[in-house]
Amino acid sequence: MKKNNLVVLLEISIMAALAFGLGYVKIYSMPNGGSVSLEMLPVVIMSFRRGVKEGVITGFILGFLQMNLGGYIVSFPQVLFDYLLAFSVIGLSSMFGKKLPIAFGGIAVACFLRFAAHTYVGVFAWETNWSGSVAYNAPYMIASTILVMLVFIPITKNKLIMEA
């Protein structure tokens, strides 16, 4: 049992570090934060590989890394919603099941929850109106979600990656 726990902890650590690194490989960056990248992909994979709990932990670690290694902090609610919660919810990706196309529903909901967290922060921490926050966050979140889904399709066929 202890060996299996160690393996899971190592996988969580590796996937969180990979996600953090992929966050630096940006296809497009917004001027005040947010970008199109594959940083969510390792969190999604972890959720499908090991389960929702492990996916959420991986996302939480990713948010913690981003917050501490280059984040811009203005308030506690912003820390909570923009970093910790926003990336933790990506771990919910496998909540509807692991078979395509149902899996895409889970990924879409998880990405929408991340979008909602960033939008909330835009209104309450950055004092933007709701429509402005939606208009700012929607383009990069929609593009990132589509990118993750497109790359996720061939990954699901690789049993070494998807099965623990």
N, C-alpha and C. Protein backbone atom coordinates (compact mmCIF):
# COMPACT_ATOMS: atom_id res chain seq x y z
N MET A 1 0.82 -1.20 0.00
CA MET A 1 0.00 0.00 0.00
C MET A 1 0.86 1.26 0.00
N LYS A 2 1.92 1.28 0.79
CA LYS A 2 2.78 2.46 0.85
C LYS A 2 3.48 2.72 -0.47
N LYS A 3 3.88 1.65 -1.16
CA LYS A 3 4.55 1.81 -2.45
C LYS A 3 3.59 2.45 -3.45
N ASN A 4 2.33 2.01 -3.46
CA ASN A 4 1.34 2.57 -4.37
C ASN A 4 1.10 4.04 -4.06
N ASN A 5 1.02 4.40 -2.77
CA ASN A 5 0.84 5.80 -2.40
C ASN A 5 2.00 6.66 -2.88
N LEU A 6 3.21 6.13 -2.76
CA LEU A 6 4.39 6.86 -3.20
C LEU A 6 4.35 7.08 -4.71
N VAL A 7 3.93 6.06 -5.46
CA VAL A 7 3.82 6.18 -6.91
C VAL A 7 2.81 7.27 -7.28
N VAL A 8 1.67 7.29 -6.61
CA VAL A 8 0.65 8.30 -6.89
C VAL A 8 1.18 9.69 -6.56
N LEU A 9 1.84 9.84 -5.44
CA LEU A 9 2.42 11.14 -5.07
C LEU A 9 3.46 11.60 -6.08
N LEU A 10 4.26 10.68 -6.56
CA LEU A 10 5.26 11.02 -7.59
C LEU A 10 4.58 11.43 -8.89
N GLU A 11 3.54 10.72 -9.28
CA GLU A 11 2.81 11.09 -10.50
C GLU A 11 2.18 12.47 -10.37
N ILE A 12 1.58 12.76 -9.22
CA ILE A 12 0.99 14.08 -8.98
C ILE A 12 2.06 15.15 -9.11
N SER A 13 3.20 14.93 -8.49
CA SER A 13 4.30 15.91 -8.53
C SER A 13 4.81 16.12 -9.95
N ILE A 14 5.00 15.03 -10.67
CA ILE A 14 5.51 15.13 -12.05
C ILE A 14 4.52 15.84 -12.94
N MET A 15 3.24 15.49 -12.82
CA MET A 15 2.22 16.12 -13.67
C MET A 15 2.05 17.60 -13.33
N ALA A 16 2.11 17.96 -12.05
CA ALA A 16 2.01 19.38 -11.67
C ALA A 16 3.20 20.16 -12.22
N ALA A 17 4.40 19.57 -12.13
CA ALA A 17 5.59 20.24 -12.67
C ALA A 17 5.51 20.35 -14.19
N LEU A 18 5.04 19.31 -14.85
CA LEU A 18 4.87 19.34 -16.31
C LEU A 18 3.86 20.42 -16.71
N ALA A 19 2.76 20.49 -15.98
CA ALA A 19 1.74 21.50 -16.25
C ALA A 19 2.32 22.90 -16.09
N PHE A 20 3.08 23.09 -15.02
CA PHE A 20 3.70 24.40 -14.77
C PHE A 20 4.64 24.76 -15.93
N GLY A 21 5.44 23.80 -16.37
CA GLY A 21 6.36 24.04 -17.48
C GLY A 21 5.62 24.33 -18.77
N LEU A 22 4.54 23.60 -19.04
CA LEU A 22 3.77 23.84 -20.25
C LEU A 22 3.10 25.22 -20.24
N GLY A 23 2.91 25.77 -19.06
CA GLY A 23 2.36 27.12 -18.95
C GLY A 23 3.28 28.18 -19.53
N TYR A 24 4.55 27.86 -19.67
CA TYR A 24 5.51 28.79 -20.27
C TYR A 24 5.59 28.66 -21.79
N VAL A 25 4.99 27.61 -22.34
CA VAL A 25 4.95 27.42 -23.79
C VAL A 25 3.59 27.95 -24.26
N LYS A 26 3.55 29.23 -24.51
CA LYS A 26 2.28 29.92 -24.80
C LYS A 26 2.09 30.13 -26.29
N ILE A 27 0.89 29.84 -26.73
CA ILE A 27 0.52 30.11 -28.11
C ILE A 27 0.10 31.57 -28.23
N TYR A 28 -0.57 32.06 -27.19
CA TYR A 28 -1.00 33.45 -27.16
C TYR A 28 -1.10 33.89 -25.70
N SER A 29 -0.68 35.11 -25.41
CA SER A 29 -0.77 35.67 -24.06
C SER A 29 -1.64 36.91 -24.05
N MET A 30 -2.52 36.98 -23.07
CA MET A 30 -3.33 38.17 -22.88
C MET A 30 -2.47 39.23 -22.19
N PRO A 31 -2.77 40.51 -22.37
CA PRO A 31 -1.91 41.56 -21.81
C PRO A 31 -1.87 41.60 -20.27
N ASN A 32 -2.95 41.23 -19.61
CA ASN A 32 -3.00 41.30 -18.15
C ASN A 32 -3.16 39.93 -17.49
N GLY A 33 -2.65 38.92 -18.11
CA GLY A 33 -2.74 37.58 -17.55
C GLY A 33 -3.67 36.70 -18.36
N GLY A 34 -3.44 35.41 -18.28
CA GLY A 34 -4.21 34.46 -19.07
C GLY A 34 -3.50 34.19 -20.38
N SER A 35 -3.51 32.93 -20.79
CA SER A 35 -2.84 32.58 -22.05
C SER A 35 -3.42 31.29 -22.60
N VAL A 36 -3.14 31.06 -23.87
CA VAL A 36 -3.51 29.81 -24.51
C VAL A 36 -2.28 28.91 -24.47
N SER A 37 -2.41 27.80 -23.78
CA SER A 37 -1.31 26.84 -23.67
C SER A 37 -1.90 25.47 -23.33
N LEU A 38 -1.03 24.50 -23.17
CA LEU A 38 -1.45 23.15 -22.79
C LEU A 38 -1.25 22.88 -21.29
N GLU A 39 -1.16 23.92 -20.48
CA GLU A 39 -0.89 23.72 -19.06
C GLU A 39 -1.97 22.90 -18.35
N MET A 40 -3.19 22.91 -18.84
CA MET A 40 -4.25 22.13 -18.21
C MET A 40 -4.16 20.65 -18.53
N LEU A 41 -3.49 20.29 -19.62
CA LEU A 41 -3.48 18.90 -20.08
C LEU A 41 -2.96 17.90 -19.05
N PRO A 42 -1.82 18.13 -18.38
CA PRO A 42 -1.38 17.15 -17.39
C PRO A 42 -2.35 16.98 -16.22
N VAL A 43 -3.05 18.03 -15.86
CA VAL A 43 -4.05 17.93 -14.79
C VAL A 43 -5.23 17.08 -15.27
N VAL A 44 -5.65 17.30 -16.51
CA VAL A 44 -6.73 16.50 -17.09
C VAL A 44 -6.31 15.03 -17.16
N ILE A 45 -5.11 14.77 -17.64
CA ILE A 45 -4.61 13.39 -17.72
C ILE A 45 -4.59 12.76 -16.34
N MET A 46 -4.12 13.48 -15.34
CA MET A 46 -4.07 12.94 -13.99
C MET A 46 -5.46 12.59 -13.48
N SER A 47 -6.43 13.43 -13.78
CA SER A 47 -7.80 13.15 -13.37
C SER A 47 -8.32 11.87 -14.00
N PHE A 48 -8.04 11.67 -15.28
CA PHE A 48 -8.50 10.47 -15.96
C PHE A 48 -7.67 9.25 -15.57
N ARG A 49 -6.43 9.44 -15.29
CA ARG A 49 -5.53 8.33 -14.95
C ARG A 49 -5.77 7.81 -13.54
N ARG A 50 -5.90 8.71 -12.56
CA ARG A 50 -5.97 8.31 -11.16
C ARG A 50 -7.27 8.65 -10.46
N GLY A 51 -8.02 9.61 -11.00
CA GLY A 51 -9.29 9.96 -10.39
C GLY A 51 -9.40 11.44 -10.07
N VAL A 52 -10.61 11.83 -9.71
CA VAL A 52 -10.91 13.24 -9.46
C VAL A 52 -10.07 13.80 -8.31
N LYS A 53 -9.97 13.06 -7.22
CA LYS A 53 -9.22 13.57 -6.06
C LYS A 53 -7.77 13.88 -6.43
N GLU A 54 -7.13 12.96 -7.11
CA GLU A 54 -5.74 13.17 -7.51
C GLU A 54 -5.62 14.29 -8.55
N GLY A 55 -6.62 14.40 -9.42
CA GLY A 55 -6.63 15.49 -10.39
C GLY A 55 -6.76 16.85 -9.71
N VAL A 56 -7.64 16.93 -8.73
CA VAL A 56 -7.82 18.19 -8.00
C VAL A 56 -6.54 18.56 -7.24
N ILE A 57 -5.90 17.59 -6.64
CA ILE A 57 -4.65 17.86 -5.92
C ILE A 57 -3.58 18.36 -6.90
N THR A 58 -3.50 17.73 -8.06
CA THR A 58 -2.53 18.16 -9.08
C THR A 58 -2.81 19.59 -9.51
N GLY A 59 -4.07 19.91 -9.75
CA GLY A 59 -4.44 21.28 -10.12
C GLY A 59 -4.15 22.28 -9.02
N PHE A 60 -4.39 21.89 -7.77
CA PHE A 60 -4.10 22.77 -6.64
C PHE A 60 -2.61 23.08 -6.58
N ILE A 61 -1.78 22.06 -6.76
CA ILE A 61 -0.33 22.26 -6.75
C ILE A 61 0.09 23.17 -7.90
N LEU A 62 -0.50 22.98 -9.08
CA LEU A 62 -0.21 23.85 -10.22
C LEU A 62 -0.54 25.29 -9.88
N GLY A 63 -1.71 25.53 -9.31
CA GLY A 63 -2.10 26.89 -8.92
C GLY A 63 -1.16 27.47 -7.88
N PHE A 64 -0.75 26.64 -6.93
CA PHE A 64 0.18 27.07 -5.89
C PHE A 64 1.53 27.46 -6.50
N LEU A 65 2.01 26.64 -7.44
CA LEU A 65 3.27 26.95 -8.11
C LEU A 65 3.17 28.25 -8.90
N GLN A 66 2.08 28.41 -9.64
CA GLN A 66 1.93 29.64 -10.42
C GLN A 66 1.85 30.87 -9.53
N MET A 67 1.14 30.74 -8.41
CA MET A 67 1.00 31.86 -7.49
C MET A 67 2.35 32.26 -6.89
N ASN A 68 3.16 31.28 -6.55
CA ASN A 68 4.42 31.55 -5.85
C ASN A 68 5.61 31.79 -6.77
N LEU A 69 5.51 31.36 -8.02
CA LEU A 69 6.64 31.50 -8.94
C LEU A 69 6.25 32.38 -10.12
N GLY A 70 5.79 33.56 -9.83
CA GLY A 70 5.47 34.50 -10.90
C GLY A 70 4.07 35.03 -10.87
N GLY A 71 3.30 34.71 -9.85
CA GLY A 71 1.94 35.21 -9.77
C GLY A 71 1.88 36.67 -9.37
N TYR A 72 0.77 37.28 -9.65
CA TYR A 72 0.55 38.68 -9.28
C TYR A 72 -0.63 38.69 -8.31
N ILE A 73 -0.37 39.09 -7.07
CA ILE A 73 -1.37 38.97 -6.01
C ILE A 73 -1.79 40.35 -5.53
N VAL A 74 -3.12 40.55 -5.47
CA VAL A 74 -3.65 41.81 -4.95
C VAL A 74 -4.51 41.62 -3.71
N SER A 75 -5.08 40.43 -3.53
CA SER A 75 -5.95 40.19 -2.37
C SER A 75 -6.10 38.69 -2.14
N PHE A 76 -6.58 38.34 -0.95
CA PHE A 76 -6.78 36.93 -0.63
C PHE A 76 -7.84 36.28 -1.54
N PRO A 77 -9.00 36.93 -1.77
CA PRO A 77 -9.96 36.31 -2.69
C PRO A 77 -9.38 36.06 -4.09
N GLN A 78 -8.53 36.96 -4.53
CA GLN A 78 -7.90 36.78 -5.84
C GLN A 78 -6.98 35.56 -5.82
N VAL A 79 -6.22 35.37 -4.75
CA VAL A 79 -5.36 34.18 -4.61
C VAL A 79 -6.22 32.92 -4.67
N LEU A 80 -7.30 32.94 -3.90
CA LEU A 80 -8.17 31.78 -3.82
C LEU A 80 -8.78 31.43 -5.17
N PHE A 81 -9.38 32.43 -5.83
CA PHE A 81 -10.11 32.16 -7.07
C PHE A 81 -9.22 32.12 -8.31
N ASP A 82 -8.22 32.98 -8.41
CA ASP A 82 -7.40 33.07 -9.61
C ASP A 82 -6.34 31.98 -9.70
N TYR A 83 -5.93 31.46 -8.58
CA TYR A 83 -4.87 30.45 -8.58
C TYR A 83 -5.35 29.12 -8.02
N LEU A 84 -5.65 29.07 -6.75
CA LEU A 84 -5.91 27.78 -6.10
C LEU A 84 -7.19 27.10 -6.62
N LEU A 85 -8.30 27.80 -6.62
CA LEU A 85 -9.55 27.22 -7.07
C LEU A 85 -9.58 27.03 -8.58
N ALA A 86 -9.13 28.03 -9.31
CA ALA A 86 -9.20 27.98 -10.78
C ALA A 86 -8.48 26.76 -11.35
N PHE A 87 -7.36 26.39 -10.79
CA PHE A 87 -6.63 25.24 -11.32
C PHE A 87 -7.04 23.93 -10.66
N SER A 88 -7.52 24.00 -9.43
CA SER A 88 -8.02 22.78 -8.77
C SER A 88 -9.21 22.19 -9.51
N VAL A 89 -10.12 23.04 -9.99
CA VAL A 89 -11.33 22.52 -10.64
C VAL A 89 -11.03 21.78 -11.94
N ILE A 90 -9.87 22.00 -12.54
CA ILE A 90 -9.51 21.25 -13.75
C ILE A 90 -9.42 19.76 -13.43
N GLY A 91 -9.07 19.45 -12.19
CA GLY A 91 -9.01 18.05 -11.77
C GLY A 91 -10.34 17.33 -11.75
N LEU A 92 -11.43 18.06 -11.90
CA LEU A 92 -12.76 17.45 -11.96
C LEU A 92 -13.07 16.87 -13.34
N SER A 93 -12.14 16.96 -14.26
CA SER A 93 -12.37 16.58 -15.66
C SER A 93 -12.97 15.19 -15.86
N SER A 94 -12.61 14.24 -15.05
CA SER A 94 -13.10 12.88 -15.25
C SER A 94 -14.40 12.60 -14.49
N MET A 95 -15.08 13.63 -14.03
CA MET A 95 -16.25 13.45 -13.17
C MET A 95 -17.41 12.73 -13.86
N PHE A 96 -17.53 12.80 -15.17
CA PHE A 96 -18.65 12.15 -15.87
C PHE A 96 -18.27 10.78 -16.42
N GLY A 97 -17.02 10.43 -16.37
CA GLY A 97 -16.58 9.14 -16.88
C GLY A 97 -15.36 9.29 -17.77
N LYS A 98 -14.80 8.15 -18.14
CA LYS A 98 -13.54 8.16 -18.86
C LYS A 98 -13.67 7.85 -20.35
N LYS A 99 -14.86 7.53 -20.81
CA LYS A 99 -15.05 7.17 -22.21
C LYS A 99 -15.41 8.41 -23.03
N LEU A 100 -14.77 8.50 -24.21
CA LEU A 100 -15.14 9.56 -25.15
C LEU A 100 -16.51 9.23 -25.71
N PRO A 101 -17.38 10.12 -26.01
CA PRO A 101 -17.32 11.57 -25.93
C PRO A 101 -17.76 12.13 -24.58
N ILE A 102 -18.24 11.27 -23.67
CA ILE A 102 -18.69 11.75 -22.35
C ILE A 102 -17.56 12.46 -21.62
N ALA A 103 -16.33 12.00 -21.82
CA ALA A 103 -15.18 12.63 -21.16
C ALA A 103 -15.06 14.10 -21.52
N PHE A 104 -15.41 14.44 -22.76
CA PHE A 104 -15.35 15.84 -23.17
C PHE A 104 -16.30 16.71 -22.38
N GLY A 105 -17.42 16.14 -21.97
CA GLY A 105 -18.36 16.88 -21.12
C GLY A 105 -17.72 17.26 -19.80
N GLY A 106 -17.00 16.33 -19.20
CA GLY A 106 -16.30 16.61 -17.94
C GLY A 106 -15.21 17.64 -18.11
N ILE A 107 -14.46 17.53 -19.20
CA ILE A 107 -13.40 18.51 -19.47
C ILE A 107 -14.02 19.89 -19.69
N ALA A 108 -15.11 19.94 -20.45
CA ALA A 108 -15.76 21.23 -20.73
C ALA A 108 -16.29 21.87 -19.44
N VAL A 109 -16.91 21.07 -18.58
CA VAL A 109 -17.43 21.61 -17.32
C VAL A 109 -16.29 22.10 -16.43
N ALA A 110 -15.22 21.31 -16.34
CA ALA A 110 -14.07 21.71 -15.51
C ALA A 110 -13.46 23.01 -16.04
N CYS A 111 -13.32 23.12 -17.35
CA CYS A 111 -12.76 24.35 -17.93
C CYS A 111 -13.71 25.53 -17.74
N PHE A 112 -15.02 25.28 -17.81
CA PHE A 112 -15.98 26.35 -17.55
C PHE A 112 -15.87 26.83 -16.11
N LEU A 113 -15.68 25.91 -15.18
CA LEU A 113 -15.52 26.31 -13.78
C LEU A 113 -14.26 27.15 -13.58
N ARG A 114 -13.19 26.80 -14.30
CA ARG A 114 -11.99 27.63 -14.24
C ARG A 114 -12.29 29.02 -14.81
N PHE A 115 -12.96 29.06 -15.95
CA PHE A 115 -13.36 30.33 -16.55
C PHE A 115 -14.20 31.15 -15.56
N ALA A 116 -15.14 30.50 -14.89
CA ALA A 116 -16.00 31.20 -13.92
C ALA A 116 -15.18 31.79 -12.77
N ALA A 117 -14.19 31.05 -12.31
CA ALA A 117 -13.33 31.55 -11.23
C ALA A 117 -12.56 32.78 -11.67
N HIS A 118 -11.98 32.73 -12.87
CA HIS A 118 -11.24 33.89 -13.39
C HIS A 118 -12.18 35.08 -13.63
N THR A 119 -13.38 34.80 -14.11
CA THR A 119 -14.34 35.87 -14.36
C THR A 119 -14.76 36.54 -13.06
N TYR A 120 -15.00 35.73 -12.03
CA TYR A 120 -15.35 36.25 -10.71
C TYR A 120 -14.25 37.18 -10.19
N VAL A 121 -13.01 36.76 -10.33
CA VAL A 121 -11.88 37.58 -9.89
C VAL A 121 -11.83 38.88 -10.67
N GLY A 122 -12.10 38.82 -11.96
CA GLY A 122 -12.10 40.03 -12.77
C GLY A 122 -13.07 41.07 -12.24
N VAL A 123 -14.21 40.61 -11.74
CA VAL A 123 -15.23 41.53 -11.23
C VAL A 123 -14.86 42.03 -9.83
N PHE A 124 -14.48 41.13 -8.95
CA PHE A 124 -14.34 41.51 -7.55
C PHE A 124 -12.93 41.90 -7.12
N ALA A 125 -11.91 41.42 -7.80
CA ALA A 125 -10.55 41.83 -7.42
C ALA A 125 -10.02 42.92 -8.34
N TRP A 126 -10.38 42.83 -9.63
CA TRP A 126 -9.87 43.81 -10.59
C TRP A 126 -10.89 44.90 -10.90
N GLU A 127 -12.06 44.81 -10.28
CA GLU A 127 -13.12 45.82 -10.39
C GLU A 127 -13.54 46.09 -11.83
N THR A 128 -13.66 45.02 -12.59
CA THR A 128 -14.17 45.08 -13.95
C THR A 128 -15.65 44.72 -13.90
N ASN A 129 -16.44 45.18 -14.87
CA ASN A 129 -17.84 44.75 -14.87
C ASN A 129 -17.92 43.32 -15.41
N TRP A 130 -19.09 42.67 -15.22
CA TRP A 130 -19.24 41.26 -15.61
C TRP A 130 -18.98 41.04 -17.09
N SER A 131 -19.54 41.89 -17.93
CA SER A 131 -19.36 41.69 -19.37
C SER A 131 -17.91 41.89 -19.78
N GLY A 132 -17.22 42.83 -19.15
CA GLY A 132 -15.80 43.03 -19.45
C GLY A 132 -14.96 41.86 -19.02
N SER A 133 -15.28 41.29 -17.86
CA SER A 133 -14.52 40.14 -17.37
C SER A 133 -14.76 38.91 -18.24
N VAL A 134 -16.00 38.71 -18.65
CA VAL A 134 -16.31 37.59 -19.55
C VAL A 134 -15.60 37.79 -20.89
N ALA A 135 -15.66 39.00 -21.42
CA ALA A 135 -15.03 39.28 -22.71
C ALA A 135 -13.52 39.10 -22.66
N TYR A 136 -12.92 39.39 -21.51
CA TYR A 136 -11.47 39.23 -21.38
C TYR A 136 -11.09 37.75 -21.25
N ASN A 137 -11.80 37.02 -20.41
CA ASN A 137 -11.42 35.64 -20.08
C ASN A 137 -11.89 34.60 -21.09
N ALA A 138 -13.00 34.84 -21.76
CA ALA A 138 -13.57 33.83 -22.67
C ALA A 138 -12.65 33.44 -23.82
N PRO A 139 -12.03 34.39 -24.53
CA PRO A 139 -11.24 33.96 -25.70
C PRO A 139 -10.11 32.99 -25.37
N TYR A 140 -9.30 33.28 -24.35
CA TYR A 140 -8.19 32.38 -24.06
C TYR A 140 -8.65 31.09 -23.40
N MET A 141 -9.75 31.14 -22.63
CA MET A 141 -10.23 29.91 -22.00
C MET A 141 -10.88 28.99 -23.04
N ILE A 142 -11.64 29.54 -23.96
CA ILE A 142 -12.24 28.71 -25.02
C ILE A 142 -11.15 28.09 -25.88
N ALA A 143 -10.17 28.90 -26.28
CA ALA A 143 -9.07 28.38 -27.11
C ALA A 143 -8.28 27.31 -26.36
N SER A 144 -7.98 27.54 -25.09
CA SER A 144 -7.23 26.55 -24.30
C SER A 144 -8.03 25.25 -24.14
N THR A 145 -9.33 25.37 -23.92
CA THR A 145 -10.17 24.19 -23.77
C THR A 145 -10.19 23.36 -25.06
N ILE A 146 -10.36 24.02 -26.18
CA ILE A 146 -10.36 23.31 -27.47
C ILE A 146 -9.01 22.66 -27.72
N LEU A 147 -7.93 23.38 -27.44
CA LEU A 147 -6.59 22.84 -27.64
C LEU A 147 -6.36 21.59 -26.78
N VAL A 148 -6.75 21.65 -25.52
CA VAL A 148 -6.59 20.50 -24.62
C VAL A 148 -7.40 19.32 -25.12
N MET A 149 -8.63 19.57 -25.55
CA MET A 149 -9.47 18.47 -26.06
C MET A 149 -8.88 17.84 -27.32
N LEU A 150 -8.36 18.66 -28.22
CA LEU A 150 -7.76 18.13 -29.45
C LEU A 150 -6.53 17.27 -29.17
N VAL A 151 -5.71 17.70 -28.24
CA VAL A 151 -4.50 16.94 -27.90
C VAL A 151 -4.86 15.71 -27.07
N PHE A 152 -5.94 15.81 -26.31
CA PHE A 152 -6.37 14.72 -25.43
C PHE A 152 -6.84 13.50 -26.23
N ILE A 153 -7.42 13.71 -27.42
CA ILE A 153 -7.97 12.60 -28.21
C ILE A 153 -6.92 11.54 -28.50
N PRO A 154 -5.76 11.85 -29.09
CA PRO A 154 -4.79 10.78 -29.34
C PRO A 154 -4.18 10.21 -28.06
N ILE A 155 -4.13 11.00 -27.01
CA ILE A 155 -3.57 10.52 -25.74
C ILE A 155 -4.44 9.42 -25.15
N THR A 156 -5.77 9.51 -25.34
CA THR A 156 -6.67 8.50 -24.78
C THR A 156 -6.42 7.12 -25.36
N LYS A 157 -5.83 7.06 -26.54
CA LYS A 157 -5.54 5.77 -27.17
C LYS A 157 -4.26 5.12 -26.64
N ASN A 158 -3.46 5.86 -25.89
CA ASN A 158 -2.22 5.33 -25.36
C ASN A 158 -2.45 4.78 -23.95
N LYS A 159 -2.47 3.47 -23.84
CA LYS A 159 -2.76 2.83 -22.56
C LYS A 159 -1.67 3.10 -21.51
N LEU A 160 -0.43 3.32 -21.93
CA LEU A 160 0.64 3.61 -20.97
C LEU A 160 0.39 4.93 -20.24
N ILE A 161 -0.22 5.87 -20.93
CA ILE A 161 -0.48 7.17 -20.33
C ILE A 161 -1.78 7.15 -19.53
N MET A 162 -2.82 6.54 -20.07
CA MET A 162 -4.14 6.67 -19.49
C MET A 162 -4.46 5.66 -18.38
N GLU A 163 -3.76 4.56 -18.32
CA GLU A 163 -4.07 3.56 -17.30
C GLU A 163 -2.99 3.50 -16.24
N ALA A 164 -3.43 3.54 -15.00
CA ALA A 164 -2.49 3.49 -13.87
C ALA A 164 -2.09 2.07 -13.57
